[in-house]
Amino acid sequence: MAIKRSWRPLLLAGLVIAMLALAWLPVGDLDPSKRSNKPYLYVSYEVTGTKNPQLEDVLFDVQQRIESRHEWRLLDQPQDHAWTLNVTVEAADLLQLSGQLSAPTESDTSSSIQRFKVQGQMETFGALPEQYVKILIELVENGHKAQSSL
């Protein structure tokens, strides 16, 4: 005697699993800042004063250190939901790395801008980018935590 097998229970189980999977996926109406737990960051770089190959090397070092970090998602264009960082390298008496960090403007109308600076003798140009990025990481993480808790 042959047993008659039905595909109907398997089809229903597959349909239920597919519906649950679709219900679990985001529907696309989330803000970009809510899609990730990492903050978004847009960075612009500038060397002020006399163009010096050593200053260009310092700027390149800062750029590589920022791009290699995993704490944030880098953007090509400035956006409302992203932090904005302006990096400036200059040398007068001291080598100076300046930063102006602006908080995302989508959540409130008041913009928060933090300025920070790392400076030292020209001989210490190798250590300054590391200190600069450490300060940047701390500022972005603390600001992102403060915004997330609101």
N, C-alpha and C. Protein backbone atom coordinates (compact mmCIF):
# COMPACT_ATOMS: atom_id res chain seq x y z
N MET A 1 0.84 -1.16 0.00
CA MET A 1 0.00 0.00 0.00
C MET A 1 0.90 1.24 0.00
N ALA A 2 0.67 2.11 -0.88
CA ALA A 2 1.46 3.33 -1.01
C ALA A 2 0.89 4.42 -0.11
N ILE A 3 1.80 5.11 0.55
CA ILE A 3 1.38 6.21 1.42
C ILE A 3 1.34 7.48 0.58
N LYS A 4 0.22 8.15 0.69
CA LYS A 4 0.06 9.38 -0.08
C LYS A 4 0.66 10.53 0.74
N ARG A 5 1.62 11.20 0.17
CA ARG A 5 2.25 12.33 0.86
C ARG A 5 1.73 13.62 0.25
N SER A 6 1.52 14.57 1.14
CA SER A 6 1.00 15.85 0.69
C SER A 6 2.06 16.94 0.90
N TRP A 7 2.17 17.81 -0.03
CA TRP A 7 3.10 18.94 0.05
C TRP A 7 2.48 20.13 0.78
N ARG A 8 1.22 20.03 1.06
CA ARG A 8 0.52 21.16 1.67
C ARG A 8 1.10 21.58 3.02
N PRO A 9 1.41 20.70 3.96
CA PRO A 9 2.00 21.15 5.24
C PRO A 9 3.36 21.80 5.07
N LEU A 10 4.17 21.27 4.18
CA LEU A 10 5.47 21.89 3.93
C LEU A 10 5.33 23.27 3.30
N LEU A 11 4.40 23.41 2.40
CA LEU A 11 4.15 24.70 1.76
C LEU A 11 3.66 25.72 2.77
N LEU A 12 2.77 25.33 3.64
CA LEU A 12 2.27 26.24 4.68
C LEU A 12 3.38 26.63 5.66
N ALA A 13 4.21 25.68 6.05
CA ALA A 13 5.32 25.98 6.96
C ALA A 13 6.31 26.94 6.29
N GLY A 14 6.61 26.72 5.03
CA GLY A 14 7.50 27.62 4.30
C GLY A 14 6.92 29.02 4.17
N LEU A 15 5.61 29.11 3.94
CA LEU A 15 4.95 30.40 3.84
C LEU A 15 5.00 31.15 5.17
N VAL A 16 4.80 30.45 6.27
CA VAL A 16 4.86 31.07 7.59
C VAL A 16 6.27 31.56 7.89
N ILE A 17 7.27 30.77 7.55
CA ILE A 17 8.66 31.17 7.77
C ILE A 17 9.00 32.40 6.92
N ALA A 18 8.56 32.43 5.68
CA ALA A 18 8.82 33.58 4.81
C ALA A 18 8.15 34.83 5.34
N MET A 19 6.94 34.70 5.85
CA MET A 19 6.23 35.86 6.40
C MET A 19 6.92 36.38 7.66
N LEU A 20 7.39 35.48 8.49
CA LEU A 20 8.12 35.90 9.68
C LEU A 20 9.43 36.60 9.32
N ALA A 21 10.12 36.09 8.31
CA ALA A 21 11.37 36.72 7.87
C ALA A 21 11.10 38.12 7.31
N LEU A 22 10.05 38.28 6.53
CA LEU A 22 9.71 39.59 5.99
C LEU A 22 9.28 40.56 7.09
N ALA A 23 8.58 40.06 8.10
CA ALA A 23 8.16 40.92 9.21
C ALA A 23 9.37 41.36 10.03
N TRP A 24 10.41 40.58 10.06
CA TRP A 24 11.60 40.90 10.85
C TRP A 24 12.47 41.97 10.17
N LEU A 25 12.46 42.02 8.84
CA LEU A 25 13.30 42.96 8.12
C LEU A 25 12.79 44.39 8.28
N PRO A 26 13.71 45.38 8.29
CA PRO A 26 13.26 46.77 8.36
C PRO A 26 12.52 47.15 7.08
N VAL A 27 11.57 48.04 7.21
CA VAL A 27 10.74 48.39 6.07
C VAL A 27 11.30 49.57 5.28
N GLY A 28 12.39 50.16 5.72
CA GLY A 28 13.00 51.23 4.96
C GLY A 28 12.59 52.62 5.38
N ASP A 29 11.68 52.75 6.33
CA ASP A 29 11.27 54.08 6.74
C ASP A 29 12.06 54.59 7.95
N LEU A 30 13.12 53.89 8.31
CA LEU A 30 13.96 54.34 9.42
C LEU A 30 14.90 55.44 8.94
N ASP A 31 15.21 56.36 9.82
CA ASP A 31 16.20 57.38 9.51
C ASP A 31 17.55 56.72 9.34
N PRO A 32 18.43 57.28 8.52
CA PRO A 32 19.76 56.68 8.35
C PRO A 32 20.52 56.55 9.67
N SER A 33 20.34 57.50 10.57
CA SER A 33 21.05 57.42 11.84
C SER A 33 20.52 56.31 12.73
N LYS A 34 19.31 55.84 12.49
CA LYS A 34 18.72 54.76 13.28
C LYS A 34 19.03 53.39 12.71
N ARG A 35 19.53 53.32 11.50
CA ARG A 35 19.82 52.04 10.87
C ARG A 35 21.08 51.40 11.41
N SER A 36 21.93 52.17 12.04
CA SER A 36 23.20 51.66 12.54
C SER A 36 23.44 52.19 13.94
N ASN A 37 24.12 51.38 14.75
CA ASN A 37 24.46 51.86 16.08
C ASN A 37 25.78 52.63 16.07
N LYS A 38 26.42 52.73 14.92
CA LYS A 38 27.65 53.50 14.78
C LYS A 38 27.31 54.89 14.25
N PRO A 39 27.98 55.92 14.77
CA PRO A 39 27.72 57.26 14.25
C PRO A 39 28.30 57.43 12.85
N TYR A 40 27.65 58.28 12.07
CA TYR A 40 28.14 58.61 10.74
C TYR A 40 29.05 59.83 10.86
N LEU A 41 30.11 59.87 10.05
CA LEU A 41 31.10 60.94 10.14
C LEU A 41 31.50 61.39 8.74
N TYR A 42 31.43 62.70 8.51
CA TYR A 42 31.94 63.30 7.28
C TYR A 42 33.17 64.12 7.66
N VAL A 43 34.28 63.94 6.94
CA VAL A 43 35.54 64.60 7.28
C VAL A 43 36.04 65.39 6.08
N SER A 44 36.47 66.64 6.35
CA SER A 44 37.15 67.44 5.34
C SER A 44 38.55 67.78 5.86
N TYR A 45 39.52 67.82 4.96
CA TYR A 45 40.92 68.01 5.34
C TYR A 45 41.47 69.27 4.67
N GLU A 46 42.36 69.96 5.40
CA GLU A 46 42.93 71.19 4.86
C GLU A 46 44.30 71.46 5.47
N VAL A 47 45.23 71.93 4.64
CA VAL A 47 46.53 72.40 5.11
C VAL A 47 46.54 73.91 4.92
N THR A 48 46.77 74.65 6.00
CA THR A 48 46.80 76.11 5.90
C THR A 48 48.24 76.60 5.99
N GLY A 49 48.44 77.80 5.49
CA GLY A 49 49.78 78.36 5.50
C GLY A 49 50.57 77.89 4.30
N THR A 50 51.88 77.88 4.46
CA THR A 50 52.75 77.46 3.37
C THR A 50 52.64 75.96 3.15
N LYS A 51 52.56 75.57 1.90
CA LYS A 51 52.48 74.16 1.57
C LYS A 51 53.84 73.51 1.80
N ASN A 52 53.82 72.52 2.66
CA ASN A 52 55.06 71.85 3.05
C ASN A 52 54.83 70.35 2.89
N PRO A 53 55.74 69.62 2.29
CA PRO A 53 55.55 68.17 2.14
C PRO A 53 55.39 67.46 3.48
N GLN A 54 56.03 67.97 4.51
CA GLN A 54 55.91 67.36 5.82
C GLN A 54 54.49 67.55 6.37
N LEU A 55 53.89 68.71 6.12
CA LEU A 55 52.51 68.94 6.55
C LEU A 55 51.54 68.05 5.78
N GLU A 56 51.80 67.85 4.50
CA GLU A 56 50.98 66.95 3.70
C GLU A 56 51.08 65.52 4.23
N ASP A 57 52.27 65.11 4.67
CA ASP A 57 52.46 63.78 5.24
C ASP A 57 51.68 63.63 6.55
N VAL A 58 51.69 64.67 7.38
CA VAL A 58 50.95 64.64 8.64
C VAL A 58 49.45 64.54 8.35
N LEU A 59 48.98 65.32 7.38
CA LEU A 59 47.57 65.27 7.02
C LEU A 59 47.19 63.89 6.48
N PHE A 60 48.05 63.30 5.65
CA PHE A 60 47.80 61.97 5.13
C PHE A 60 47.74 60.94 6.26
N ASP A 61 48.62 61.08 7.24
CA ASP A 61 48.64 60.17 8.39
C ASP A 61 47.33 60.27 9.17
N VAL A 62 46.86 61.50 9.41
CA VAL A 62 45.59 61.69 10.11
C VAL A 62 44.46 61.06 9.31
N GLN A 63 44.45 61.30 8.00
CA GLN A 63 43.40 60.76 7.13
C GLN A 63 43.38 59.23 7.18
N GLN A 64 44.54 58.61 7.11
CA GLN A 64 44.61 57.14 7.14
C GLN A 64 44.15 56.60 8.49
N ARG A 65 44.51 57.28 9.57
CA ARG A 65 44.10 56.83 10.89
C ARG A 65 42.58 56.94 11.08
N ILE A 66 41.99 58.00 10.57
CA ILE A 66 40.54 58.18 10.68
C ILE A 66 39.82 57.15 9.83
N GLU A 67 40.29 56.92 8.62
CA GLU A 67 39.62 55.99 7.72
C GLU A 67 39.76 54.53 8.16
N SER A 68 40.78 54.22 8.93
CA SER A 68 40.98 52.83 9.35
C SER A 68 40.22 52.48 10.62
N ARG A 69 39.59 53.45 11.26
CA ARG A 69 38.88 53.19 12.51
C ARG A 69 37.52 52.54 12.23
N HIS A 70 37.05 51.75 13.18
CA HIS A 70 35.78 51.06 13.02
C HIS A 70 34.67 51.67 13.88
N GLU A 71 34.96 52.74 14.60
CA GLU A 71 33.99 53.32 15.53
C GLU A 71 32.87 54.09 14.82
N TRP A 72 33.05 54.42 13.57
CA TRP A 72 32.06 55.21 12.85
C TRP A 72 31.99 54.78 11.40
N ARG A 73 30.97 55.29 10.73
CA ARG A 73 30.81 55.04 9.29
C ARG A 73 31.10 56.35 8.56
N LEU A 74 32.07 56.32 7.67
CA LEU A 74 32.47 57.52 6.95
C LEU A 74 31.56 57.78 5.76
N LEU A 75 31.29 59.06 5.51
CA LEU A 75 30.44 59.47 4.40
C LEU A 75 31.25 60.31 3.41
N ASP A 76 30.81 60.31 2.15
CA ASP A 76 31.47 61.11 1.12
C ASP A 76 30.93 62.53 1.05
N GLN A 77 29.69 62.72 1.47
CA GLN A 77 29.03 64.02 1.44
C GLN A 77 28.49 64.36 2.82
N PRO A 78 28.49 65.64 3.20
CA PRO A 78 27.91 66.00 4.50
C PRO A 78 26.39 65.78 4.49
N GLN A 79 25.87 65.26 5.58
CA GLN A 79 24.44 65.02 5.71
C GLN A 79 23.99 65.44 7.10
N ASP A 80 22.67 65.65 7.25
CA ASP A 80 22.13 66.14 8.52
C ASP A 80 22.32 65.15 9.66
N HIS A 81 22.30 63.87 9.38
CA HIS A 81 22.39 62.87 10.44
C HIS A 81 23.83 62.49 10.79
N ALA A 82 24.80 63.17 10.19
CA ALA A 82 26.20 62.80 10.38
C ALA A 82 26.96 63.86 11.17
N TRP A 83 27.96 63.40 11.90
CA TRP A 83 28.91 64.31 12.52
C TRP A 83 29.78 64.89 11.41
N THR A 84 30.19 66.14 11.57
CA THR A 84 31.04 66.78 10.57
C THR A 84 32.34 67.21 11.24
N LEU A 85 33.46 66.80 10.65
CA LEU A 85 34.78 67.13 11.19
C LEU A 85 35.58 67.87 10.14
N ASN A 86 36.13 69.02 10.54
CA ASN A 86 37.06 69.77 9.69
C ASN A 86 38.44 69.65 10.31
N VAL A 87 39.36 69.03 9.60
CA VAL A 87 40.73 68.83 10.07
C VAL A 87 41.62 69.87 9.40
N THR A 88 42.38 70.60 10.22
CA THR A 88 43.29 71.63 9.70
C THR A 88 44.68 71.37 10.25
N VAL A 89 45.66 71.36 9.35
CA VAL A 89 47.06 71.20 9.74
C VAL A 89 47.79 72.49 9.37
N GLU A 90 48.51 73.03 10.34
CA GLU A 90 49.29 74.23 10.07
C GLU A 90 50.57 74.21 10.90
N ALA A 91 51.54 74.98 10.46
CA ALA A 91 52.81 75.05 11.18
C ALA A 91 53.29 76.49 11.19
N ALA A 92 53.42 77.03 12.37
CA ALA A 92 54.07 78.34 12.55
C ALA A 92 55.29 78.07 13.42
N ASP A 93 55.18 78.39 14.68
CA ASP A 93 56.25 78.01 15.61
C ASP A 93 56.14 76.54 15.98
N LEU A 94 54.88 76.09 16.08
CA LEU A 94 54.59 74.70 16.44
C LEU A 94 53.76 74.06 15.35
N LEU A 95 53.85 72.76 15.24
CA LEU A 95 52.97 72.00 14.37
C LEU A 95 51.64 71.86 15.09
N GLN A 96 50.56 72.22 14.42
CA GLN A 96 49.25 72.25 15.07
C GLN A 96 48.22 71.52 14.23
N LEU A 97 47.52 70.57 14.86
CA LEU A 97 46.41 69.87 14.25
C LEU A 97 45.15 70.36 14.93
N SER A 98 44.28 71.02 14.19
CA SER A 98 43.05 71.57 14.76
C SER A 98 41.86 70.80 14.22
N GLY A 99 40.85 70.69 15.04
CA GLY A 99 39.63 70.02 14.63
C GLY A 99 38.41 70.79 15.07
N GLN A 100 37.42 70.82 14.21
CA GLN A 100 36.12 71.40 14.54
C GLN A 100 35.09 70.33 14.27
N LEU A 101 34.49 69.83 15.35
CA LEU A 101 33.54 68.72 15.26
C LEU A 101 32.14 69.25 15.51
N SER A 102 31.26 69.05 14.54
CA SER A 102 29.86 69.50 14.65
C SER A 102 28.96 68.28 14.81
N ALA A 103 28.05 68.38 15.75
CA ALA A 103 27.11 67.30 16.00
C ALA A 103 26.06 67.25 14.90
N PRO A 104 25.38 66.12 14.74
CA PRO A 104 24.30 66.04 13.75
C PRO A 104 23.22 67.07 14.05
N THR A 105 22.64 67.64 13.00
CA THR A 105 21.66 68.71 13.17
C THR A 105 20.22 68.25 13.03
N GLU A 106 20.01 66.97 12.79
CA GLU A 106 18.64 66.50 12.57
C GLU A 106 17.82 66.41 13.85
N SER A 107 18.45 66.17 14.99
CA SER A 107 17.70 65.91 16.21
C SER A 107 17.22 67.18 16.89
N ASP A 108 17.99 68.24 16.82
CA ASP A 108 17.56 69.48 17.47
C ASP A 108 18.04 70.66 16.64
N THR A 109 17.51 71.83 16.96
CA THR A 109 17.84 73.01 16.17
C THR A 109 19.15 73.64 16.60
N SER A 110 19.56 73.43 17.83
CA SER A 110 20.83 73.99 18.29
C SER A 110 21.97 73.07 17.88
N SER A 111 22.98 73.66 17.25
CA SER A 111 24.10 72.84 16.81
C SER A 111 25.20 72.90 17.86
N SER A 112 25.79 71.77 18.10
CA SER A 112 26.88 71.66 19.05
C SER A 112 28.18 71.57 18.29
N ILE A 113 29.10 72.50 18.56
CA ILE A 113 30.39 72.51 17.89
C ILE A 113 31.47 72.42 18.96
N GLN A 114 32.37 71.48 18.78
CA GLN A 114 33.50 71.32 19.70
C GLN A 114 34.78 71.53 18.91
N ARG A 115 35.65 72.34 19.47
CA ARG A 115 36.94 72.59 18.85
C ARG A 115 38.03 71.97 19.72
N PHE A 116 38.98 71.34 19.08
CA PHE A 116 40.08 70.75 19.82
C PHE A 116 41.36 70.89 19.00
N LYS A 117 42.48 70.84 19.71
CA LYS A 117 43.76 71.12 19.07
C LYS A 117 44.84 70.25 19.70
N VAL A 118 45.74 69.76 18.87
CA VAL A 118 46.93 69.03 19.32
C VAL A 118 48.11 69.75 18.69
N GLN A 119 49.06 70.10 19.51
CA GLN A 119 50.22 70.82 18.96
C GLN A 119 51.50 70.33 19.60
N GLY A 120 52.59 70.53 18.89
CA GLY A 120 53.90 70.11 19.37
C GLY A 120 54.99 70.60 18.43
N GLN A 121 56.19 70.32 18.80
CA GLN A 121 57.34 70.70 17.98
C GLN A 121 57.30 69.91 16.67
N MET A 122 57.93 70.44 15.65
CA MET A 122 57.94 69.77 14.34
C MET A 122 58.59 68.40 14.43
N GLU A 123 59.47 68.19 15.39
CA GLU A 123 60.13 66.90 15.54
C GLU A 123 59.17 65.82 16.03
N THR A 124 58.05 66.22 16.61
CA THR A 124 57.09 65.26 17.18
C THR A 124 55.94 64.97 16.22
N PHE A 125 56.12 65.23 14.94
CA PHE A 125 55.02 65.08 14.00
C PHE A 125 54.50 63.65 13.90
N GLY A 126 55.28 62.67 14.29
CA GLY A 126 54.84 61.28 14.22
C GLY A 126 53.84 60.91 15.29
N ALA A 127 53.88 61.56 16.44
CA ALA A 127 53.00 61.21 17.55
C ALA A 127 51.71 62.03 17.56
N LEU A 128 51.70 63.18 16.92
CA LEU A 128 50.53 64.06 16.98
C LEU A 128 49.28 63.47 16.33
N PRO A 129 49.36 62.84 15.15
CA PRO A 129 48.14 62.26 14.57
C PRO A 129 47.48 61.21 15.47
N GLU A 130 48.27 60.41 16.16
CA GLU A 130 47.70 59.40 17.06
C GLU A 130 46.94 60.06 18.20
N GLN A 131 47.51 61.10 18.79
CA GLN A 131 46.83 61.81 19.87
C GLN A 131 45.56 62.47 19.36
N TYR A 132 45.63 63.03 18.17
CA TYR A 132 44.48 63.71 17.56
C TYR A 132 43.31 62.74 17.39
N VAL A 133 43.60 61.57 16.86
CA VAL A 133 42.54 60.59 16.61
C VAL A 133 41.97 60.04 17.92
N LYS A 134 42.81 59.89 18.95
CA LYS A 134 42.31 59.45 20.25
C LYS A 134 41.32 60.45 20.83
N ILE A 135 41.63 61.73 20.72
CA ILE A 135 40.70 62.77 21.19
C ILE A 135 39.42 62.73 20.38
N LEU A 136 39.54 62.58 19.07
CA LEU A 136 38.37 62.53 18.19
C LEU A 136 37.46 61.35 18.55
N ILE A 137 38.03 60.19 18.78
CA ILE A 137 37.24 59.01 19.14
C ILE A 137 36.47 59.27 20.42
N GLU A 138 37.13 59.83 21.40
CA GLU A 138 36.47 60.10 22.68
C GLU A 138 35.33 61.10 22.53
N LEU A 139 35.54 62.16 21.76
CA LEU A 139 34.49 63.17 21.57
C LEU A 139 33.27 62.60 20.84
N VAL A 140 33.51 61.83 19.77
CA VAL A 140 32.40 61.27 19.00
C VAL A 140 31.64 60.23 19.82
N GLU A 141 32.36 59.35 20.52
CA GLU A 141 31.69 58.33 21.33
C GLU A 141 30.87 58.95 22.44
N ASN A 142 31.43 59.92 23.16
CA ASN A 142 30.68 60.56 24.24
C ASN A 142 29.47 61.32 23.71
N GLY A 143 29.65 62.03 22.59
CA GLY A 143 28.52 62.75 22.00
C GLY A 143 27.45 61.83 21.48
N HIS A 144 27.85 60.72 20.88
CA HIS A 144 26.87 59.76 20.35
C HIS A 144 26.09 59.10 21.47
N LYS A 145 26.77 58.76 22.57
CA LYS A 145 26.08 58.18 23.72
C LYS A 145 25.10 59.17 24.33
N ALA A 146 25.51 60.43 24.40
CA ALA A 146 24.61 61.46 24.95
C ALA A 146 23.39 61.65 24.06
N GLN A 147 23.56 61.63 22.74
CA GLN A 147 22.42 61.77 21.84
C GLN A 147 21.52 60.53 21.87
N SER A 148 22.11 59.37 22.03
CA SER A 148 21.32 58.14 22.05
C SER A 148 20.48 58.04 23.31
N SER A 149 20.95 58.63 24.38
CA SER A 149 20.20 58.53 25.64
C SER A 149 19.08 59.54 25.74
N LEU A 150 18.97 60.47 24.78
CA LEU A 150 17.89 61.46 24.83
C LEU A 150 16.57 60.88 24.44
